Amino acid sequence: MAGLKFCPKCGTLMRPDRKRGVWVCPNCGYEEPITDEDKKKTRITQKVEHRPDEGVVIVDQEVETLPTTRVYCPKCGEVVEAYWWEVQTRAGDEPSTIFYKCKKCGYVWRSYE
């Protein structure tokens, strides 16, 4: 598949570090220069634009099936158990947004990782 590069040492999908001009393996740290051919294969052909009226989907039903974690709830002011889910709210080359829902008070908040 064009645009994908796998680490020759461990087989993990490598990520481009465009500022430094190298492919980086997030698993073992192996680096390899990005070639002109790689740049042709990984160029953006369509930019996704979002309108201000497009909202973020907040999970409101059947949260019992979601995974849970212990995290600090801003409303409770303490570490609690909370449901969490992940949504790609920004461009595909940026990290996704993690949402939490406190099991104690029901407050929902997001974390940009």
PDB file of N, CA and C in Angstrom:
ATOM      1  N   MET A   1       0.850  -1.181   0.000  1.00  0.00           N
ATOM      2  CA  MET A   1       0.000   0.000   0.000  1.00  0.00           C
ATOM      3  C   MET A   1       0.889   1.235   0.000  1.00  0.00           C
ATOM      4  N   ALA A   2       0.618   2.149  -0.888  1.00  0.00           N
ATOM      5  CA  ALA A   2       1.441   3.353  -1.021  1.00  0.00           C
ATOM      6  C   ALA A   2       1.332   4.219   0.219  1.00  0.00           C
ATOM      7  N   GLY A   3       2.463   4.813   0.609  1.00  0.00           N
ATOM      8  CA  GLY A   3       2.462   5.744   1.723  1.00  0.00           C
ATOM      9  C   GLY A   3       2.714   5.109   3.075  1.00  0.00           C
ATOM     10  N   LEU A   4       2.746   3.798   3.164  1.00  0.00           N
ATOM     11  CA  LEU A   4       3.019   3.129   4.432  1.00  0.00           C
ATOM     12  C   LEU A   4       4.444   2.599   4.413  1.00  0.00           C
ATOM     13  N   LYS A   5       5.103   2.704   5.546  1.00  0.00           N
ATOM     14  CA  LYS A   5       6.470   2.211   5.640  1.00  0.00           C
ATOM     15  C   LYS A   5       6.586   1.447   6.956  1.00  0.00           C
ATOM     16  N   PHE A   6       7.165   0.259   6.881  1.00  0.00           N
ATOM     17  CA  PHE A   6       7.311  -0.577   8.052  1.00  0.00           C
ATOM     18  C   PHE A   6       8.776  -0.666   8.453  1.00  0.00           C
ATOM     19  N   CYS A   7       9.016  -0.716   9.746  1.00  0.00           N
ATOM     20  CA  CYS A   7      10.366  -0.774  10.287  1.00  0.00           C
ATOM     21  C   CYS A   7      11.037  -2.082   9.860  1.00  0.00           C
ATOM     22  N   PRO A   8      12.249  -1.993   9.293  1.00  0.00           N
ATOM     23  CA  PRO A   8      12.943  -3.218   8.887  1.00  0.00           C
ATOM     24  C   PRO A   8      13.474  -4.023  10.069  1.00  0.00           C
ATOM     25  N   LYS A   9      13.549  -3.409  11.249  1.00  0.00           N
ATOM     26  CA  LYS A   9      14.047  -4.119  12.429  1.00  0.00           C
ATOM     27  C   LYS A   9      12.953  -4.879  13.174  1.00  0.00           C
ATOM     28  N   CYS A  10      11.801  -4.193  13.413  1.00  0.00           N
ATOM     29  CA  CYS A  10      10.769  -4.842  14.241  1.00  0.00           C
ATOM     30  C   CYS A  10       9.423  -5.003  13.544  1.00  0.00           C
ATOM     31  N   GLY A  11       9.254  -4.404  12.356  1.00  0.00           N
ATOM     32  CA  GLY A  11       8.017  -4.575  11.597  1.00  0.00           C
ATOM     33  C   GLY A  11       6.893  -3.630  11.968  1.00  0.00           C
ATOM     34  N   THR A  12       7.128  -2.672  12.886  1.00  0.00           N
ATOM     35  CA  THR A  12       6.103  -1.720  13.298  1.00  0.00           C
ATOM     36  C   THR A  12       5.897  -0.657  12.220  1.00  0.00           C
ATOM     37  N   LEU A  13       4.677  -0.155  12.084  1.00  0.00           N
ATOM     38  CA  LEU A  13       4.384   0.913  11.140  1.00  0.00           C
ATOM     39  C   LEU A  13       5.143   2.167  11.564  1.00  0.00           C
ATOM     40  N   MET A  14       5.959   2.700  10.644  1.00  0.00           N
ATOM     41  CA  MET A  14       6.763   3.886  10.948  1.00  0.00           C
ATOM     42  C   MET A  14       5.948   5.146  10.711  1.00  0.00           C
ATOM     43  N   ARG A  15       6.328   6.234  11.403  1.00  0.00           N
ATOM     44  CA  ARG A  15       5.637   7.520  11.288  1.00  0.00           C
ATOM     45  C   ARG A  15       6.590   8.548  10.697  1.00  0.00           C
ATOM     46  N   PRO A  16       6.078   9.409   9.815  1.00  0.00           N
ATOM     47  CA  PRO A  16       6.954  10.440   9.261  1.00  0.00           C
ATOM     48  C   PRO A  16       7.133  11.598  10.231  1.00  0.00           C
ATOM     49  N   ASP A  17       8.370  12.035  10.418  1.00  0.00           N
ATOM     50  CA  ASP A  17       8.673  13.250  11.163  1.00  0.00           C
ATOM     51  C   ASP A  17       9.096  14.250  10.097  1.00  0.00           C
ATOM     52  N   ARG A  18       8.136  15.013   9.591  1.00  0.00           N
ATOM     53  CA  ARG A  18       8.375  15.885   8.451  1.00  0.00           C
ATOM     54  C   ARG A  18       9.334  17.029   8.783  1.00  0.00           C
ATOM     55  N   LYS A  19       9.362  17.472  10.025  1.00  0.00           N
ATOM     56  CA  LYS A  19      10.278  18.550  10.412  1.00  0.00           C
ATOM     57  C   LYS A  19      11.730  18.118  10.263  1.00  0.00           C
ATOM     58  N   ARG A  20      12.006  16.883  10.645  1.00  0.00           N
ATOM     59  CA  ARG A  20      13.370  16.365  10.574  1.00  0.00           C
ATOM     60  C   ARG A  20      13.629  15.611   9.276  1.00  0.00           C
ATOM     61  N   GLY A  21      12.562  15.311   8.504  1.00  0.00           N
ATOM     62  CA  GLY A  21      12.727  14.630   7.223  1.00  0.00           C
ATOM     63  C   GLY A  21      13.100  13.164   7.355  1.00  0.00           C
ATOM     64  N   VAL A  22      12.583  12.500   8.402  1.00  0.00           N
ATOM     65  CA  VAL A  22      12.893  11.078   8.601  1.00  0.00           C
ATOM     66  C   VAL A  22      11.630  10.307   8.955  1.00  0.00           C
ATOM     67  N   TRP A  23      11.676   8.995   8.664  1.00  0.00           N
ATOM     68  CA  TRP A  23      10.680   8.052   9.169  1.00  0.00           C
ATOM     69  C   TRP A  23      11.172   7.605  10.534  1.00  0.00           C
ATOM     70  N   VAL A  24      10.264   7.490  11.510  1.00  0.00           N
ATOM     71  CA  VAL A  24      10.649   7.082  12.859  1.00  0.00           C
ATOM     72  C   VAL A  24       9.775   5.905  13.285  1.00  0.00           C
ATOM     73  N   CYS A  25      10.412   4.875  13.824  1.00  0.00           N
ATOM     74  CA  CYS A  25       9.675   3.740  14.370  1.00  0.00           C
ATOM     75  C   CYS A  25       9.324   4.067  15.819  1.00  0.00           C
ATOM     76  N   PRO A  26       8.021   4.100  16.174  1.00  0.00           N
ATOM     77  CA  PRO A  26       7.635   4.414  17.540  1.00  0.00           C
ATOM     78  C   PRO A  26       7.952   3.290  18.523  1.00  0.00           C
ATOM     79  N   ASN A  27       8.265   2.101  18.001  1.00  0.00           N
ATOM     80  CA  ASN A  27       8.540   0.953  18.857  1.00  0.00           C
ATOM     81  C   ASN A  27      10.018   0.856  19.239  1.00  0.00           C
ATOM     82  N   CYS A  28      10.890   0.848  18.237  1.00  0.00           N
ATOM     83  CA  CYS A  28      12.315   0.635  18.531  1.00  0.00           C
ATOM     84  C   CYS A  28      13.182   1.863  18.290  1.00  0.00           C
ATOM     85  N   GLY A  29      12.603   2.940  17.717  1.00  0.00           N
ATOM     86  CA  GLY A  29      13.359   4.165  17.515  1.00  0.00           C
ATOM     87  C   GLY A  29      14.170   4.222  16.228  1.00  0.00           C
ATOM     88  N   TYR A  30      14.111   3.188  15.389  1.00  0.00           N
ATOM     89  CA  TYR A  30      14.841   3.172  14.124  1.00  0.00           C
ATOM     90  C   TYR A  30      14.410   4.365  13.274  1.00  0.00           C
ATOM     91  N   GLU A  31      15.367   5.023  12.629  1.00  0.00           N
ATOM     92  CA  GLU A  31      15.073   6.157  11.764  1.00  0.00           C
ATOM     93  C   GLU A  31      15.640   5.929  10.375  1.00  0.00           C
ATOM     94  N   GLU A  32      14.935   6.487   9.386  1.00  0.00           N
ATOM     95  CA  GLU A  32      15.349   6.355   7.999  1.00  0.00           C
ATOM     96  C   GLU A  32      14.928   7.632   7.269  1.00  0.00           C
ATOM     97  N   PRO A  33      15.765   8.184   6.409  1.00  0.00           N
ATOM     98  CA  PRO A  33      15.407   9.425   5.709  1.00  0.00           C
ATOM     99  C   PRO A  33      14.168   9.251   4.831  1.00  0.00           C
ATOM    100  N   ILE A  34      13.372  10.320   4.740  1.00  0.00           N
ATOM    101  CA  ILE A  34      12.234  10.338   3.821  1.00  0.00           C
ATOM    102  C   ILE A  34      12.778  10.712   2.449  1.00  0.00           C
ATOM    103  N   THR A  35      12.534   9.855   1.472  1.00  0.00           N
ATOM    104  CA  THR A  35      13.035  10.095   0.112  1.00  0.00           C
ATOM    105  C   THR A  35      12.017  10.910  -0.687  1.00  0.00           C
ATOM    106  N   ASP A  36      12.454  11.416  -1.844  1.00  0.00           N
ATOM    107  CA  ASP A  36      11.533  12.134  -2.727  1.00  0.00           C
ATOM    108  C   ASP A  36      10.399  11.225  -3.183  1.00  0.00           C
ATOM    109  N   GLU A  37      10.705   9.943  -3.387  1.00  0.00           N
ATOM    110  CA  GLU A  37       9.678   8.970  -3.775  1.00  0.00           C
ATOM    111  C   GLU A  37       8.654   8.801  -2.654  1.00  0.00           C
ATOM    112  N   ASP A  38       9.132   8.767  -1.403  1.00  0.00           N
ATOM    113  CA  ASP A  38       8.216   8.676  -0.259  1.00  0.00           C
ATOM    114  C   ASP A  38       7.286   9.879  -0.212  1.00  0.00           C
ATOM    115  N   LYS A  39       7.833  11.069  -0.477  1.00  0.00           N
ATOM    116  CA  LYS A  39       7.032  12.292  -0.448  1.00  0.00           C
ATOM    117  C   LYS A  39       5.922  12.247  -1.491  1.00  0.00           C
ATOM    118  N   LYS A  40       6.205  11.660  -2.659  1.00  0.00           N
ATOM    119  CA  LYS A  40       5.186  11.531  -3.700  1.00  0.00           C
ATOM    120  C   LYS A  40       4.059  10.608  -3.243  1.00  0.00           C
ATOM    121  N   LYS A  41       4.418   9.553  -2.525  1.00  0.00           N
ATOM    122  CA  LYS A  41       3.430   8.558  -2.092  1.00  0.00           C
ATOM    123  C   LYS A  41       2.594   9.044  -0.913  1.00  0.00           C
ATOM    124  N   THR A  42       3.124   9.951  -0.109  1.00  0.00           N
ATOM    125  CA  THR A  42       2.433  10.344   1.112  1.00  0.00           C
ATOM    126  C   THR A  42       1.821  11.734   1.050  1.00  0.00           C
ATOM    127  N   ARG A  43       1.741  12.314  -0.140  1.00  0.00           N
ATOM    128  CA  ARG A  43       1.178  13.657  -0.217  1.00  0.00           C
ATOM    129  C   ARG A  43      -0.327  13.622   0.045  1.00  0.00           C
ATOM    130  N   ILE A  44      -0.838  14.729   0.548  1.00  0.00           N
ATOM    131  CA  ILE A  44      -2.264  14.841   0.846  1.00  0.00           C
ATOM    132  C   ILE A  44      -2.980  15.197  -0.444  1.00  0.00           C
ATOM    133  N   THR A  45      -3.957  14.386  -0.824  1.00  0.00           N
ATOM    134  CA  THR A  45      -4.683  14.626  -2.066  1.00  0.00           C
ATOM    135  C   THR A  45      -6.019  15.308  -1.824  1.00  0.00           C
ATOM    136  N   GLN A  46      -6.520  15.248  -0.607  1.00  0.00           N
ATOM    137  CA  GLN A  46      -7.781  15.896  -0.289  1.00  0.00           C
ATOM    138  C   GLN A  46      -7.736  16.344   1.156  1.00  0.00           C
ATOM    139  N   LYS A  47      -7.985  17.623   1.388  1.00  0.00           N
ATOM    140  CA  LYS A  47      -7.986  18.139   2.741  1.00  0.00           C
ATOM    141  C   LYS A  47      -9.422  18.125   3.265  1.00  0.00           C
ATOM    142  N   VAL A  48      -9.603  17.619   4.467  1.00  0.00           N
ATOM    143  CA  VAL A  48     -10.924  17.551   5.071  1.00  0.00           C
ATOM    144  C   VAL A  48     -11.165  18.845   5.836  1.00  0.00           C
ATOM    145  N   GLU A  49     -12.213  19.524   5.487  1.00  0.00           N
ATOM    146  CA  GLU A  49     -12.579  20.772   6.164  1.00  0.00           C
ATOM    147  C   GLU A  49     -13.808  20.505   7.037  1.00  0.00           C
ATOM    148  N   HIS A  50     -13.801  21.072   8.236  1.00  0.00           N
ATOM    149  CA  HIS A  50     -14.928  20.915   9.149  1.00  0.00           C
ATOM    150  C   HIS A  50     -15.636  22.252   9.309  1.00  0.00           C
ATOM    151  N   ARG A  51     -16.938  22.191   9.337  1.00  0.00           N
ATOM    152  CA  ARG A  51     -17.733  23.392   9.540  1.00  0.00           C
ATOM    153  C   ARG A  51     -17.925  23.617  11.034  1.00  0.00           C
ATOM    154  N   PRO A  52     -18.080  24.879  11.453  1.00  0.00           N
ATOM    155  CA  PRO A  52     -18.285  25.170  12.877  1.00  0.00           C
ATOM    156  C   PRO A  52     -19.541  24.525  13.462  1.00  0.00           C
ATOM    157  N   ASP A  53     -20.548  24.256  12.613  1.00  0.00           N
ATOM    158  CA  ASP A  53     -21.791  23.671  13.115  1.00  0.00           C
ATOM    159  C   ASP A  53     -21.718  22.160  13.282  1.00  0.00           C
ATOM    160  N   GLU A  54     -20.598  21.554  12.884  1.00  0.00           N
ATOM    161  CA  GLU A  54     -20.438  20.114  13.078  1.00  0.00           C
ATOM    162  C   GLU A  54     -20.017  19.860  14.518  1.00  0.00           C
ATOM    163  N   GLY A  55     -20.803  19.123  15.218  1.00  0.00           N
ATOM    164  CA  GLY A  55     -20.493  18.846  16.615  1.00  0.00           C
ATOM    165  C   GLY A  55     -19.723  17.557  16.785  1.00  0.00           C
ATOM    166  N   VAL A  56     -19.185  17.365  17.970  1.00  0.00           N
ATOM    167  CA  VAL A  56     -18.477  16.145  18.313  1.00  0.00           C
ATOM    168  C   VAL A  56     -19.490  15.173  18.901  1.00  0.00           C
ATOM    169  N   VAL A  57     -19.442  13.939  18.468  1.00  0.00           N
ATOM    170  CA  VAL A  57     -20.360  12.924  18.967  1.00  0.00           C
ATOM    171  C   VAL A  57     -19.959  12.555  20.392  1.00  0.00           C
ATOM    172  N   ILE A  58     -20.875  12.708  21.315  1.00  0.00           N
ATOM    173  CA  ILE A  58     -20.639  12.347  22.703  1.00  0.00           C
ATOM    174  C   ILE A  58     -21.428  11.074  22.981  1.00  0.00           C
ATOM    175  N   VAL A  59     -20.754  10.074  23.473  1.00  0.00           N
ATOM    176  CA  VAL A  59     -21.410   8.813  23.778  1.00  0.00           C
ATOM    177  C   VAL A  59     -22.310   9.034  24.988  1.00  0.00           C
ATOM    178  N   ASP A  60     -23.594   8.748  24.821  1.00  0.00           N
ATOM    179  CA  ASP A  60     -24.541   9.018  25.894  1.00  0.00           C
ATOM    180  C   ASP A  60     -25.306   7.762  26.317  1.00  0.00           C
ATOM    181  N   GLN A  61     -25.306   6.738  25.478  1.00  0.00           N
ATOM    182  CA  GLN A  61     -26.059   5.540  25.787  1.00  0.00           C
ATOM    183  C   GLN A  61     -25.129   4.341  25.836  1.00  0.00           C
ATOM    184  N   GLU A  62     -25.504   3.358  26.575  1.00  0.00           N
ATOM    185  CA  GLU A  62     -24.765   2.096  26.665  1.00  0.00           C
ATOM    186  C   GLU A  62     -23.289   2.282  26.995  1.00  0.00           C
ATOM    187  N   VAL A  63     -22.989   3.191  27.923  1.00  0.00           N
ATOM    188  CA  VAL A  63     -21.590   3.406  28.295  1.00  0.00           C
ATOM    189  C   VAL A  63     -21.040   2.229  29.087  1.00  0.00           C
ATOM    190  N   GLU A  64     -21.907   1.371  29.592  1.00  0.00           N
ATOM    191  CA  GLU A  64     -21.454   0.227  30.384  1.00  0.00           C
ATOM    192  C   GLU A  64     -20.563  -0.717  29.584  1.00  0.00           C
ATOM    193  N   THR A  65     -20.664  -0.658  28.261  1.00  0.00           N
ATOM    194  CA  THR A  65     -19.841  -1.527  27.416  1.00  0.00           C
ATOM    195  C   THR A  65     -18.469  -0.921  27.113  1.00  0.00           C
ATOM    196  N   LEU A  66     -18.267   0.342  27.487  1.00  0.00           N
ATOM    197  CA  LEU A  66     -16.999   1.019  27.214  1.00  0.00           C
ATOM    198  C   LEU A  66     -15.943   0.619  28.238  1.00  0.00           C
ATOM    199  N   PRO A  67     -14.664   0.736  27.870  1.00  0.00           N
ATOM    200  CA  PRO A  67     -13.597   0.458  28.838  1.00  0.00           C
ATOM    201  C   PRO A  67     -13.569   1.538  29.927  1.00  0.00           C
ATOM    202  N   THR A  68     -13.004   1.208  31.054  1.00  0.00           N
ATOM    203  CA  THR A  68     -12.909   2.166  32.163  1.00  0.00           C
ATOM    204  C   THR A  68     -11.455   2.328  32.590  1.00  0.00           C
ATOM    205  N   THR A  69     -11.219   3.437  33.271  1.00  0.00           N
ATOM    206  CA  THR A  69      -9.891   3.724  33.806  1.00  0.00           C
ATOM    207  C   THR A  69     -10.057   4.589  35.042  1.00  0.00           C
ATOM    208  N   ARG A  70      -8.984   4.737  35.809  1.00  0.00           N
ATOM    209  CA  ARG A  70      -8.995   5.643  36.949  1.00  0.00           C
ATOM    210  C   ARG A  70      -8.318   6.925  36.498  1.00  0.00           C
ATOM    211  N   VAL A  71      -9.040   8.044  36.657  1.00  0.00           N
ATOM    212  CA  VAL A  71      -8.555   9.327  36.164  1.00  0.00           C
ATOM    213  C   VAL A  71      -9.107  10.442  37.063  1.00  0.00           C
ATOM    214  N   TYR A  72      -8.434  11.595  37.061  1.00  0.00           N
ATOM    215  CA  TYR A  72      -8.877  12.738  37.853  1.00  0.00           C
ATOM    216  C   TYR A  72     -10.083  13.382  37.185  1.00  0.00           C
ATOM    217  N   CYS A  73     -11.189  13.480  37.915  1.00  0.00           N
ATOM    218  CA  CYS A  73     -12.405  14.128  37.416  1.00  0.00           C
ATOM    219  C   CYS A  73     -12.372  15.600  37.824  1.00  0.00           C
ATOM    220  N   PRO A  74     -12.435  16.525  36.875  1.00  0.00           N
ATOM    221  CA  PRO A  74     -12.397  17.947  37.215  1.00  0.00           C
ATOM    222  C   PRO A  74     -13.601  18.409  38.029  1.00  0.00           C
ATOM    223  N   LYS A  75     -14.732  17.748  37.891  1.00  0.00           N
ATOM    224  CA  LYS A  75     -15.932  18.163  38.628  1.00  0.00           C
ATOM    225  C   LYS A  75     -15.927  17.603  40.053  1.00  0.00           C
ATOM    226  N   CYS A  76     -15.557  16.326  40.211  1.00  0.00           N
ATOM    227  CA  CYS A  76     -15.503  15.715  41.545  1.00  0.00           C
ATOM    228  C   CYS A  76     -14.291  16.203  42.341  1.00  0.00           C
ATOM    229  N   GLY A  77     -13.220  16.546  41.621  1.00  0.00           N
ATOM    230  CA  GLY A  77     -12.000  16.994  42.289  1.00  0.00           C
ATOM    231  C   GLY A  77     -11.192  15.866  42.896  1.00  0.00           C
ATOM    232  N   GLU A  78     -11.368  14.666  42.379  1.00  0.00           N
ATOM    233  CA  GLU A  78     -10.626  13.516  42.887  1.00  0.00           C
ATOM    234  C   GLU A  78     -10.456  12.469  41.795  1.00  0.00           C
ATOM    235  N   VAL A  79      -9.608  11.485  42.056  1.00  0.00           N
ATOM    236  CA  VAL A  79      -9.410  10.389  41.117  1.00  0.00           C
ATOM    237  C   VAL A  79     -10.588   9.426  41.257  1.00  0.00           C
ATOM    238  N   VAL A  80     -11.239   9.156  40.127  1.00  0.00           N
ATOM    239  CA  VAL A  80     -12.434   8.309  40.110  1.00  0.00           C
ATOM    240  C   VAL A  80     -12.320   7.306  38.979  1.00  0.00           C
ATOM    241  N   GLU A  81     -13.257   6.385  38.934  1.00  0.00           N
ATOM    242  CA  GLU A  81     -13.346   5.474  37.805  1.00  0.00           C
ATOM    243  C   GLU A  81     -14.213   6.151  36.747  1.00  0.00           C
ATOM    244  N   ALA A  82     -13.757   6.080  35.482  1.00  0.00           N
ATOM    245  CA  ALA A  82     -14.485   6.745  34.401  1.00  0.00           C
ATOM    246  C   ALA A  82     -14.459   5.887  33.149  1.00  0.00           C
ATOM    247  N   TYR A  83     -15.532   5.988  32.361  1.00  0.00           N
ATOM    248  CA  TYR A  83     -15.567   5.369  31.042  1.00  0.00           C
ATOM    249  C   TYR A  83     -14.732   6.241  30.113  1.00  0.00           C
ATOM    250  N   TRP A  84     -14.169   5.657  29.071  1.00  0.00           N
ATOM    251  CA  TRP A  84     -13.423   6.460  28.107  1.00  0.00           C
ATOM    252  C   TRP A  84     -13.625   5.937  26.703  1.00  0.00           C
ATOM    253  N   TRP A  85     -13.497   6.838  25.718  1.00  0.00           N
ATOM    254  CA  TRP A  85     -13.560   6.484  24.307  1.00  0.00           C
ATOM    255  C   TRP A  85     -12.719   7.494  23.531  1.00  0.00           C
ATOM    256  N   GLU A  86     -12.366   7.111  22.313  1.00  0.00           N
ATOM    257  CA  GLU A  86     -11.450   7.900  21.502  1.00  0.00           C
ATOM    258  C   GLU A  86     -12.131   8.293  20.196  1.00  0.00           C
ATOM    259  N   VAL A  87     -11.976   9.567  19.796  1.00  0.00           N
ATOM    260  CA  VAL A  87     -12.579  10.070  18.566  1.00  0.00           C
ATOM    261  C   VAL A  87     -11.537  10.878  17.807  1.00  0.00           C
ATOM    262  N   GLN A  88     -11.475  10.693  16.487  1.00  0.00           N
ATOM    263  CA  GLN A  88     -10.569  11.477  15.656  1.00  0.00           C
ATOM    264  C   GLN A  88     -11.274  12.791  15.349  1.00  0.00           C
ATOM    265  N   THR A  89     -11.014  13.830  16.148  1.00  0.00           N
ATOM    266  CA  THR A  89     -11.715  15.106  16.006  1.00  0.00           C
ATOM    267  C   THR A  89     -10.947  16.108  15.168  1.00  0.00           C
ATOM    268  N   ARG A  90      -9.680  15.825  14.896  1.00  0.00           N
ATOM    269  CA  ARG A  90      -8.859  16.749  14.112  1.00  0.00           C
ATOM    270  C   ARG A  90      -8.347  16.026  12.872  1.00  0.00           C
ATOM    271  N   ALA A  91      -7.347  16.592  12.226  1.00  0.00           N
ATOM    272  CA  ALA A  91      -6.805  15.985  11.006  1.00  0.00           C
ATOM    273  C   ALA A  91      -6.277  14.588  11.299  1.00  0.00           C
ATOM    274  N   GLY A  92      -6.232  13.766  10.273  1.00  0.00           N
ATOM    275  CA  GLY A  92      -5.805  12.379  10.427  1.00  0.00           C
ATOM    276  C   GLY A  92      -4.370  12.219  10.869  1.00  0.00           C
ATOM    277  N   ASP A  93      -3.532  13.234  10.620  1.00  0.00           N
ATOM    278  CA  ASP A  93      -2.138  13.116  11.037  1.00  0.00           C
ATOM    279  C   ASP A  93      -1.905  13.682  12.437  1.00  0.00           C
ATOM    280  N   GLU A  94      -2.971  14.070  13.122  1.00  0.00           N
ATOM    281  CA  GLU A  94      -2.875  14.568  14.488  1.00  0.00           C
ATOM    282  C   GLU A  94      -3.468  13.534  15.445  1.00  0.00           C
ATOM    283  N   PRO A  95      -3.065  13.586  16.706  1.00  0.00           N
ATOM    284  CA  PRO A  95      -3.590  12.595  17.651  1.00  0.00           C
ATOM    285  C   PRO A  95      -5.096  12.746  17.862  1.00  0.00           C
ATOM    286  N   SER A  96      -5.729  11.645  18.223  1.00  0.00           N
ATOM    287  CA  SER A  96      -7.165  11.669  18.473  1.00  0.00           C
ATOM    288  C   SER A  96      -7.450  12.283  19.841  1.00  0.00           C
ATOM    289  N   THR A  97      -8.730  12.540  20.101  1.00  0.00           N
ATOM    290  CA  THR A  97      -9.164  13.114  21.368  1.00  0.00           C
ATOM    291  C   THR A  97      -9.763  12.007  22.215  1.00  0.00           C
ATOM    292  N   ILE A  98      -9.397  11.951  23.487  1.00  0.00           N
ATOM    293  CA  ILE A  98      -9.943  10.954  24.401  1.00  0.00           C
ATOM    294  C   ILE A  98     -11.003  11.629  25.265  1.00  0.00           C
ATOM    295  N   PHE A  99     -12.178  11.026  25.307  1.00  0.00           N
ATOM    296  CA  PHE A  99     -13.274  11.523  26.129  1.00  0.00           C
ATOM    297  C   PHE A  99     -13.419  10.628  27.348  1.00  0.00           C
ATOM    298  N   TYR A 100     -13.802  11.233  28.462  1.00  0.00           N
ATOM    299  CA  TYR A 100     -14.042  10.497  29.707  1.00  0.00           C
ATOM    300  C   TYR A 100     -15.435  10.839  30.227  1.00  0.00           C
ATOM    301  N   LYS A 101     -16.072   9.865  30.862  1.00  0.00           N
ATOM    302  CA  LYS A 101     -17.352  10.102  31.547  1.00  0.00           C
ATOM    303  C   LYS A 101     -17.238   9.517  32.938  1.00  0.00           C
ATOM    304  N   CYS A 102     -17.308  10.386  33.928  1.00  0.00           N
ATOM    305  CA  CYS A 102     -17.155   9.983  35.327  1.00  0.00           C
ATOM    306  C   CYS A 102     -18.305   9.061  35.745  1.00  0.00           C
ATOM    307  N   LYS A 103     -17.959   7.925  36.334  1.00  0.00           N
ATOM    308  CA  LYS A 103     -18.987   6.987  36.805  1.00  0.00           C
ATOM    309  C   LYS A 103     -19.676   7.522  38.059  1.00  0.00           C
ATOM    310  N   LYS A 104     -19.026   8.433  38.773  1.00  0.00           N
ATOM    311  CA  LYS A 104     -19.566   8.956  40.023  1.00  0.00           C
ATOM    312  C   LYS A 104     -20.586  10.077  39.784  1.00  0.00           C
ATOM    313  N   CYS A 105     -20.214  11.093  38.975  1.00  0.00           N
ATOM    314  CA  CYS A 105     -21.093  12.249  38.791  1.00  0.00           C
ATOM    315  C   CYS A 105     -21.651  12.381  37.376  1.00  0.00           C
ATOM    316  N   GLY A 106     -21.123  11.596  36.401  1.00  0.00           N
ATOM    317  CA  GLY A 106     -21.620  11.644  35.029  1.00  0.00           C
ATOM    318  C   GLY A 106     -21.027  12.757  34.180  1.00  0.00           C
ATOM    319  N   TYR A 107     -20.087  13.532  34.722  1.00  0.00           N
ATOM    320  CA  TYR A 107     -19.461  14.626  33.970  1.00  0.00           C
ATOM    321  C   TYR A 107     -18.640  14.061  32.810  1.00  0.00           C
ATOM    322  N   VAL A 108     -18.720  14.727  31.644  1.00  0.00           N
ATOM    323  CA  VAL A 108     -17.974  14.314  30.460  1.00  0.00           C
ATOM    324  C   VAL A 108     -16.959  15.403  30.130  1.00  0.00           C
ATOM    325  N   TRP A 109     -15.703  15.006  29.889  1.00  0.00           N
ATOM    326  CA  TRP A 109     -14.668  15.949  29.496  1.00  0.00           C
ATOM    327  C   TRP A 109     -13.745  15.285  28.509  1.00  0.00           C
ATOM    328  N   ARG A 110     -12.887  16.089  27.885  1.00  0.00           N
ATOM    329  CA  ARG A 110     -11.979  15.569  26.867  1.00  0.00           C
ATOM    330  C   ARG A 110     -10.539  15.824  27.243  1.00  0.00           C
ATOM    331  N   SER A 111      -9.675  14.988  26.674  1.00  0.00           N
ATOM    332  CA  SER A 111      -8.247  15.117  26.884  1.00  0.00           C
ATOM    333  C   SER A 111      -7.574  15.073  25.525  1.00  0.00           C
ATOM    334  N   TYR A 112      -6.774  16.081  25.232  1.00  0.00           N
ATOM    335  CA  TYR A 112      -6.027  16.115  23.970  1.00  0.00           C
ATOM    336  C   TYR A 112      -4.659  15.550  24.230  1.00  0.00           C
ATOM    337  N   GLU A 113      -4.354  14.390  23.681  1.00  0.00           N
ATOM    338  CA  GLU A 113      -3.064  13.743  23.933  1.00  0.00           C
ATOM    339  C   GLU A 113      -2.118  14.015  22.811  1.00  0.00           C
TER     340      GLU A 113
END
